[in-house]
Protein backbone atom coordinates (compact mmCIF):
# COMPACT_ATOMS: atom_id res chain seq x y z
CA MET A 1 80.01 105.24 109.69
CA ASN A 2 76.76 106.91 108.65
CA LYS A 3 78.13 109.96 106.89
CA ALA A 4 77.16 110.41 103.26
CA PHE A 5 80.79 110.72 102.13
CA LEU A 6 83.81 109.88 104.25
CA LYS A 7 87.01 111.91 103.89
CA MET A 8 89.74 109.87 105.55
CA GLY A 9 93.42 110.47 106.23
CA HIS A 10 95.62 107.49 105.32
CA ARG A 11 97.76 106.61 108.35
CA GLY A 12 97.08 110.18 109.42
CA ALA A 13 98.40 112.68 106.89
CA MET A 14 101.38 110.65 105.73
CA ALA A 15 102.23 112.93 102.83
CA TYR A 16 103.16 115.55 105.43
CA VAL A 17 104.17 113.79 108.66
CA ALA A 18 105.52 110.28 109.37
CA GLU A 19 102.72 107.73 108.97
CA ASN A 20 100.74 106.34 111.91
CA THR A 21 102.17 108.81 114.42
CA LEU A 22 100.11 111.01 116.72
CA GLU A 23 101.60 114.04 115.00
CA SER A 24 100.48 112.78 111.57
CA ILE A 25 96.98 112.06 112.85
CA GLU A 26 96.76 115.48 114.48
CA LYS A 27 97.81 117.08 111.17
CA ALA A 28 95.08 115.15 109.34
CA LEU A 29 92.41 116.23 111.79
CA ARG A 30 93.37 119.88 111.31
CA PHE A 31 92.29 119.52 107.67
CA GLY A 32 88.70 119.05 108.85
CA ILE A 33 88.29 115.50 107.64
CA ASP A 34 85.85 112.87 108.91
CA GLY A 35 88.41 110.45 110.27
CA VAL A 36 91.64 108.53 109.90
CA GLU A 37 92.78 105.08 108.85
CA VAL A 38 95.46 103.42 110.97
CA ASP A 39 97.12 100.00 111.13
CA VAL A 40 97.48 97.84 114.23
CA HIS A 41 99.80 95.09 115.44
CA LEU A 42 99.83 93.21 118.72
CA CYS A 43 103.16 93.70 120.48
CA LYS A 44 104.87 91.16 122.74
CA SER A 45 103.42 92.61 125.95
CA GLY A 46 99.87 92.43 124.59
CA GLU A 47 99.05 96.03 123.63
CA LEU A 48 97.82 97.14 120.22
CA VAL A 49 100.33 99.47 118.62
CA VAL A 50 99.69 101.63 115.58
CA PHE A 51 102.26 100.79 112.92
CA HIS A 52 102.07 99.62 109.32
CA ASP A 53 104.97 97.26 108.69
CA PHE A 54 105.50 93.85 110.25
CA THR A 55 109.13 94.84 110.88
CA LEU A 56 110.66 97.94 112.43
CA ASP A 57 113.46 98.43 109.92
CA ARG A 58 111.92 100.84 107.38
CA MET A 59 110.41 103.40 109.72
CA THR A 60 112.43 103.24 112.96
CA ASP A 61 115.91 102.97 114.42
CA GLY A 62 115.02 99.43 115.54
CA HIS A 63 115.15 96.08 113.75
CA GLY A 64 113.14 92.88 113.53
CA ALA A 65 109.49 91.97 114.00
CA ILE A 66 107.30 94.46 115.86
CA SER A 67 105.40 91.55 117.43
CA LYS A 68 108.59 90.40 119.19
CA ARG A 69 109.03 93.67 121.12
CA SER A 70 107.26 94.81 124.27
CA LEU A 71 105.54 98.17 124.44
CA LYS A 72 108.30 99.42 126.74
CA GLU A 73 110.91 98.48 124.13
CA LEU A 74 108.91 100.01 121.28
CA LYS A 75 108.51 103.29 123.15
CA LEU A 76 112.31 103.64 123.21
CA LEU A 77 112.44 103.65 119.41
CA LYS A 78 111.99 106.65 117.12
CA VAL A 79 109.96 106.78 113.91
CA ASN A 80 111.91 108.75 111.31
CA GLY A 81 114.29 109.79 114.05
CA LYS A 82 111.81 111.87 116.05
CA TYR A 83 108.34 110.35 116.64
CA SER A 84 107.04 107.65 119.00
CA ILE A 85 105.08 104.53 118.06
CA PRO A 86 101.60 105.13 119.54
CA THR A 87 99.18 102.64 121.04
CA LEU A 88 95.67 102.36 119.63
CA ASP A 89 94.35 103.84 122.88
CA GLU A 90 96.55 106.92 122.42
CA VAL A 91 95.23 107.35 118.88
CA LEU A 92 91.59 107.00 119.93
CA ASP A 93 92.05 109.47 122.78
CA LEU A 94 93.58 111.98 120.35
CA VAL A 95 90.98 111.53 117.61
CA GLY A 96 87.92 111.68 119.87
CA LYS A 97 84.39 110.45 119.37
CA ASN A 98 83.38 113.06 116.77
CA HIS A 99 85.35 111.24 114.09
CA VAL A 100 85.53 107.82 112.45
CA VAL A 101 88.55 105.61 113.06
CA ASN A 102 89.22 102.96 110.43
CA ILE A 103 91.35 100.32 112.17
CA GLU A 104 93.11 98.01 109.75
CA LEU A 105 93.96 94.65 111.31
CA LYS A 106 97.48 94.31 109.97
CA GLY A 107 99.23 91.91 112.35
CA LYS A 108 98.25 88.41 113.45
CA ASN A 109 95.80 87.88 116.29
CA THR A 110 94.71 91.51 116.35
CA ALA A 111 90.95 90.87 116.25
CA SER A 112 90.47 89.94 119.90
CA LYS A 113 92.23 92.97 121.42
CA THR A 114 90.68 95.31 118.84
CA CYS A 115 87.23 94.04 119.78
CA GLU A 116 87.98 94.56 123.49
CA THR A 117 89.23 98.08 122.85
CA ILE A 118 86.20 99.08 120.77
CA GLN A 119 83.81 97.67 123.36
CA TYR A 120 85.67 99.50 126.15
CA TYR A 121 85.44 102.86 124.35
CA ILE A 122 81.73 102.32 123.68
CA LYS A 123 80.92 101.27 127.24
CA THR A 124 83.05 103.76 129.15
CA LYS A 125 83.89 106.72 126.90
CA GLY A 126 80.67 107.46 125.06
CA TRP A 127 81.80 106.25 121.65
CA LYS A 128 79.35 104.58 119.25
CA TYR A 129 79.78 101.63 116.93
CA SER A 130 79.45 104.12 114.07
CA ASN A 131 82.72 105.73 115.19
CA PHE A 132 84.55 102.57 114.15
CA LEU A 133 85.26 100.73 110.94
CA VAL A 134 87.51 97.66 111.07
CA SER A 135 89.10 96.50 107.83
CA SER A 136 91.66 93.93 106.77
CA PHE A 137 93.09 91.96 103.88
CA GLN A 138 93.25 89.02 106.29
CA HIS A 139 89.91 87.23 106.13
CA HIS A 140 90.50 85.11 109.23
CA GLU A 141 91.02 88.23 111.37
CA LEU A 142 87.73 89.72 110.14
CA GLU A 143 85.98 86.37 110.72
CA ASP A 144 87.38 86.29 114.27
CA LEU A 145 86.17 89.82 114.98
CA TYR A 146 82.72 89.06 113.54
CA LYS A 147 82.37 86.05 115.84
CA ARG A 148 83.25 88.18 118.86
CA ASP A 149 80.95 91.15 118.14
CA LYS A 150 78.59 91.18 115.17
CA THR A 151 77.78 94.88 115.62
CA ILE A 152 81.24 96.25 114.82
CA PRO A 153 81.21 97.65 111.25
CA LEU A 154 83.56 95.66 109.01
CA GLY A 155 85.23 96.48 105.69
CA VAL A 156 86.91 94.03 103.30
CA LEU A 157 90.14 95.29 101.78
CA THR A 158 91.12 94.21 98.27
CA LYS A 159 93.71 95.06 95.67
CA ALA A 160 92.68 92.17 93.43
CA ASN A 161 88.97 91.72 92.77
CA VAL A 162 85.84 93.66 93.74
CA VAL A 163 83.43 90.76 93.17
CA GLU A 164 85.50 88.40 95.34
CA ALA A 165 85.61 91.03 98.09
CA ILE A 166 81.83 91.28 97.98
CA GLU A 167 81.46 87.49 98.11
CA PHE A 168 83.54 87.37 101.29
CA ALA A 169 81.83 90.47 102.71
CA GLU A 170 78.51 88.61 102.56
CA THR A 171 79.81 85.89 104.90
CA ILE A 172 80.69 88.35 107.69
CA HIS A 173 77.89 90.88 107.04
CA ALA A 174 80.45 93.60 106.29
CA VAL A 175 79.15 97.10 105.68
CA ALA A 176 81.85 98.15 103.21
CA ILE A 177 84.39 97.02 100.69
CA HIS A 178 87.71 98.84 100.45
CA PRO A 179 89.13 98.38 96.94
CA ASN A 180 92.27 99.97 95.59
CA PHE A 181 91.11 102.79 93.32
CA ALA A 182 92.69 101.11 90.25
CA LEU A 183 90.04 98.37 90.47
CA LEU A 184 87.06 100.69 90.32
CA THR A 185 84.73 101.56 87.50
CA TYR A 186 81.42 103.39 87.60
CA GLU A 187 79.70 100.06 87.00
CA ASN A 188 81.31 98.03 89.78
CA VAL A 189 80.83 100.85 92.28
CA LYS A 190 77.12 100.86 91.50
CA TYR A 191 77.03 97.04 91.62
CA ALA A 192 78.49 97.03 95.15
CA GLN A 193 76.18 99.80 96.29
CA ALA A 194 73.14 98.00 94.87
CA LEU A 195 74.04 95.18 97.25
CA CYS A 196 74.10 97.74 100.09
CA TYR A 197 77.87 97.96 100.51
CA LYS A 198 79.66 101.23 100.95
CA VAL A 199 82.67 101.61 98.66
CA ILE A 200 85.62 103.23 100.42
CA THR A 201 88.67 103.44 98.19
CA TRP A 202 92.40 103.93 98.78
CA THR A 203 94.97 105.45 98.36
CA VAL A 204 93.73 108.36 96.25
CA ASN A 205 96.22 111.21 96.25
CA ASP A 206 95.97 113.39 93.14
CA LYS A 207 93.11 115.73 92.29
CA GLU A 208 92.34 114.08 88.95
CA THR A 209 91.86 110.64 90.51
CA ILE A 210 89.94 112.09 93.45
CA GLU A 211 87.55 113.73 90.97
CA ARG A 212 87.16 110.47 89.06
CA MET A 213 86.34 108.53 92.22
CA ILE A 214 83.77 111.18 93.22
CA ASN A 215 82.22 110.92 89.75
CA TYR A 216 81.99 107.15 90.20
CA GLY A 217 79.99 107.86 93.36
CA VAL A 218 82.23 106.18 95.95
CA ASP A 219 81.18 106.50 99.59
CA GLY A 220 84.59 107.44 100.91
CA ILE A 221 88.19 108.18 99.99
CA ILE A 222 91.31 107.42 101.99
CA SER A 223 94.18 109.74 101.04
CA ASP A 224 97.78 110.51 102.00
CA ASN A 225 96.83 114.13 101.25
CA PRO A 226 93.59 114.55 103.19
CA ASP A 227 93.65 118.30 102.55
CA GLN A 228 92.95 117.49 98.88
CA LEU A 229 89.57 116.01 99.84
């Protein structure tokens, strides 16, 4: 997380390949970006799976809550009729330690297993804390993760208010705030940075908005079209 400007693929390269799949992440990496943002849920059998929605209905041939299915059951389903739901471990093994992985804690009770996974990859696979950035809209998940390991870089997601995000970020010593691009102005970007927070914005997809965010001086952009970065 020490690069001057982070170019990140949103759920891989979801403008091109089904979101949060290994194939989408592989596509994003081929664009030469710095890393990817993915979402995690805890499935019934205890593994972290990479998937955005709380339910399976929109993206798969399955139905109901993803948290109520075991990994074995989830692996039988198809995303958009052809792809598998990956585990976080599968994503990390694909991405490798030369990139940044932004893990968004989407589902409930994801902090504990995410912390374990990050610590395992640091201790046994040569990864560094700087390879990881954990973000969430759910403050209690970020608080839980902070209690478990205060070294893991944290980012506070917001689509409502930059100042409120900063106020919460202070309580967990987050390194970044992740505002929706529509919230940003040159002034509030500089305000956040003056308080030593990186500003990593989402989801910025068209060239005009990308240019505007760069002119505001943001520290990173998460995009469905990572080739545009």
